[in-house]
Amino acid sequence: MLLKKFEGNPCTPKKAFAEHFNVPESTLRGIFKNREAIIEVHRECGIQSKKRSRIQSGKFEEFEKVLVLWFKEARASNIPVNVELLREKAVQLSKSFEMENFSASHGWVEKFKNRHGLAACVLSGESASVNEGNVAQWKEDLAILVNVYEQKNIYNCDETGLSFN
C-alpha cells in the first residue's frame, strides 16, 4: 500500500510519507531501496505477503525455489500435497542438492510454508477429479449396475452421508 501511494504521489517528500505511515524515515528509505524485491515477493506470495513484515530467505535459497516450483506444479495438477508429502519431497530434493545433515523437521516445514505463503492441505471437491475420457463409459456401466435397485435405494456416498439404521 505504501509503495502504491508513493508511486501515485512521487512529488510528496519521503518525510511526509514516514509521518503519515508512522514509520522511521530510515525504514522508509529501506523500503524504497528494496521496492523491486518487495514487489516480487508480493507477486509470488499474493495475499500472504501482506502479513509479512520482512523478506526472509531460507538457508537453502535455490533448494527452496525448486521445492516451491514442485509444490505449485503439484497443485496445478490437482495433486493433494499434505505436510508429510512435502517433507518427503524436501528430503528427496536435499539429496540431489547434496545437502548434508538436512532433516525436514516439522518446524522447518512450517517455516518454509510461511516464508513462501504455501498451504499444505487436502484438496476437496470434484471439479478436477474426473478423467473426462472415462465419463461416457462409466455412464453406460453405471446404468447397468443400478438397474437391479429401486430409485430410492441409490445414494451418492461422496455427497450424502449414509445414516446407520
Protein backbone atom coordinates (compact mmCIF):
# COMPACT_ATOMS: atom_id res chain seq x y z
CA MET A 1 0.00 0.00 0.00
CA LEU A 2 2.81 2.41 0.89
CA LEU A 3 4.61 1.80 -2.40
CA LYS A 4 1.38 2.32 -4.38
CA LYS A 5 0.69 5.60 -2.60
CA PHE A 6 4.25 6.76 -3.24
CA GLU A 7 4.05 5.87 -6.94
CA GLY A 8 0.78 7.81 -7.15
CA ASN A 9 2.35 10.86 -5.46
CA PRO A 10 6.05 10.89 -6.43
CA CYS A 11 6.43 14.59 -5.55
CA THR A 12 5.44 14.10 -1.89
CA PRO A 13 8.51 14.23 0.38
CA LYS A 14 9.55 10.93 1.96
CA LYS A 15 9.48 12.56 5.36
CA ALA A 16 5.73 13.23 4.93
CA PHE A 17 5.18 9.57 4.00
CA ALA A 18 7.14 8.46 7.06
CA GLU A 19 4.99 10.62 9.32
CA HIS A 20 1.76 9.54 7.65
CA PHE A 21 2.54 5.81 8.00
CA ASN A 22 4.18 6.30 11.40
CA VAL A 23 7.47 4.62 10.44
CA PRO A 24 11.04 5.88 10.88
CA GLU A 25 12.46 7.62 7.84
CA SER A 26 15.34 5.11 7.68
CA THR A 27 12.82 2.26 7.41
CA LEU A 28 11.04 4.09 4.62
CA ARG A 29 14.31 4.56 2.73
CA GLY A 30 14.99 0.81 3.07
CA ILE A 31 11.53 0.02 1.68
CA PHE A 32 12.07 2.29 -1.33
CA LYS A 33 15.57 0.95 -1.88
CA ASN A 34 14.29 -2.67 -1.96
CA ARG A 35 10.99 -1.94 -3.71
CA GLU A 36 11.64 -4.40 -6.59
CA ALA A 37 12.28 -7.28 -4.20
CA ILE A 38 9.22 -6.37 -2.13
CA ILE A 39 7.00 -6.21 -5.21
CA GLU A 40 8.38 -9.57 -6.43
CA VAL A 41 7.68 -11.26 -3.09
CA HIS A 42 4.18 -9.81 -3.09
CA ARG A 43 3.63 -11.08 -6.65
CA GLU A 44 4.87 -14.59 -5.74
CA CYS A 45 3.04 -14.92 -2.43
CA GLY A 46 -0.08 -12.96 -3.25
CA ILE A 47 -2.22 -12.10 -0.27
CA GLN A 48 0.05 -13.91 2.18
CA SER A 49 2.78 -11.30 1.76
CA LYS A 50 0.57 -8.67 3.44
CA LYS A 51 1.14 -10.46 6.73
CA ARG A 52 4.91 -10.33 6.42
CA SER A 53 6.97 -7.55 7.90
CA ARG A 54 10.28 -8.55 6.35
CA ILE A 55 11.61 -10.54 3.44
CA GLN A 56 13.42 -13.63 4.53
CA SER A 57 15.07 -16.32 2.52
CA GLY A 58 15.88 -19.69 3.93
CA LYS A 59 19.35 -21.11 4.35
CA PHE A 60 18.98 -23.02 1.12
CA GLU A 61 17.52 -20.49 -1.31
CA GLU A 62 17.96 -22.43 -4.58
CA PHE A 63 16.72 -25.64 -2.95
CA GLU A 64 13.61 -23.83 -1.69
CA LYS A 65 12.92 -22.33 -5.13
CA VAL A 66 12.90 -25.82 -6.63
CA LEU A 67 10.67 -27.15 -3.84
CA VAL A 68 8.20 -24.26 -4.28
CA LEU A 69 8.15 -24.91 -8.03
CA TRP A 70 7.41 -28.60 -7.39
CA PHE A 71 4.65 -27.65 -4.92
CA LYS A 72 2.99 -25.27 -7.40
CA GLU A 73 3.19 -27.82 -10.23
CA ALA A 74 1.66 -30.49 -7.99
CA ARG A 75 -1.18 -28.18 -7.04
CA ALA A 76 -1.71 -27.18 -10.68
CA SER A 77 -2.04 -30.91 -11.46
CA ASN A 78 -4.60 -31.23 -8.62
CA ILE A 79 -2.31 -33.45 -6.58
CA PRO A 80 -3.14 -33.05 -2.89
CA VAL A 81 0.03 -32.06 -1.03
CA ASN A 82 -0.01 -32.61 2.71
CA VAL A 83 2.78 -31.88 5.19
CA GLU A 84 4.11 -35.43 5.06
CA LEU A 85 4.37 -35.45 1.25
CA LEU A 86 6.06 -32.03 1.35
CA ARG A 87 8.53 -33.31 3.93
CA GLU A 88 9.32 -36.43 1.85
CA LYS A 89 9.87 -34.35 -1.29
CA ALA A 90 12.15 -31.96 0.63
CA VAL A 91 14.30 -34.86 1.85
CA GLN A 92 14.43 -36.34 -1.67
CA LEU A 93 15.45 -32.99 -3.18
CA SER A 94 18.02 -32.37 -0.46
CA LYS A 95 19.87 -35.48 -1.60
CA SER A 96 20.01 -34.24 -5.18
CA PHE A 97 21.32 -30.88 -3.89
CA GLU A 98 23.94 -32.81 -1.87
CA MET A 99 22.85 -31.16 1.36
CA GLU A 100 24.37 -32.94 4.31
CA ASN A 101 22.50 -33.40 7.60
CA PHE A 102 19.29 -31.91 6.24
CA SER A 103 16.17 -33.03 8.03
CA ALA A 104 12.83 -31.65 7.01
CA SER A 105 11.66 -31.25 10.57
CA HIS A 106 8.15 -30.13 11.41
CA GLY A 107 9.49 -26.69 12.36
CA TRP A 108 11.42 -26.32 9.10
CA VAL A 109 8.37 -27.31 7.03
CA GLU A 110 6.15 -24.82 8.88
CA LYS A 111 8.66 -22.00 8.43
CA PHE A 112 9.11 -22.95 4.77
CA LYS A 113 5.36 -22.77 4.22
CA ASN A 114 5.18 -19.39 5.97
CA ARG A 115 8.15 -18.00 4.03
CA HIS A 116 6.52 -18.84 0.71
CA GLY A 117 2.86 -18.38 1.63
CA LEU A 118 2.01 -22.03 0.99
CA ALA A 119 -0.78 -24.07 2.49
CA ALA A 120 -0.27 -27.82 2.51
CA CYS A 121 -3.77 -29.17 2.78
CA VAL A 122 -6.05 -31.76 1.31
CA LEU A 123 -7.90 -30.64 -1.80
CA SER A 124 -11.60 -31.32 -1.76
CA GLY A 125 -14.25 -31.21 -4.40
CA GLU A 126 -14.77 -32.99 -7.66
CA SER A 127 -14.00 -30.33 -10.23
CA ALA A 128 -10.72 -31.87 -11.35
CA SER A 129 -11.00 -35.39 -10.04
CA VAL A 130 -12.75 -36.92 -13.06
CA ASN A 131 -10.99 -38.11 -16.18
CA GLU A 132 -13.26 -36.82 -18.95
CA GLY A 133 -12.33 -39.71 -21.23
CA ASN A 134 -13.87 -42.25 -18.86
CA VAL A 135 -17.15 -40.43 -18.23
CA ALA A 136 -19.10 -41.87 -21.18
CA GLN A 137 -18.04 -45.45 -20.41
CA TRP A 138 -18.92 -45.07 -16.73
CA LYS A 139 -22.38 -43.70 -17.58
CA GLU A 140 -23.11 -46.85 -19.56
CA ASP A 141 -21.69 -49.16 -16.88
CA LEU A 142 -23.48 -47.36 -14.07
CA ALA A 143 -26.85 -47.64 -15.81
CA ILE A 144 -26.39 -51.43 -16.00
CA LEU A 145 -25.24 -51.69 -12.36
CA VAL A 146 -28.11 -49.71 -10.84
CA ASN A 147 -30.91 -51.37 -12.84
CA VAL A 148 -31.32 -54.02 -10.13
CA TYR A 149 -32.01 -51.40 -7.41
CA GLU A 150 -35.04 -49.24 -6.77
CA GLN A 151 -34.51 -45.49 -7.26
CA LYS A 152 -34.99 -44.81 -3.53
CA ASN A 153 -32.07 -47.12 -2.68
CA ILE A 154 -29.47 -45.35 -4.83
CA TYR A 155 -27.17 -42.93 -3.00
CA ASN A 156 -24.12 -40.89 -3.88
CA CYS A 157 -21.94 -41.50 -0.83
CA ASP A 158 -19.48 -38.80 -1.80
CA GLU A 159 -22.05 -36.10 -1.14
CA THR A 160 -24.61 -37.79 1.08
CA GLY A 161 -23.62 -39.35 4.34
CA LEU A 162 -25.41 -42.63 4.90
CA SER A 163 -27.15 -42.91 8.25
CA PHE A 164 -26.87 -46.19 10.10
CA ASN A 165 -30.33 -47.77 10.62
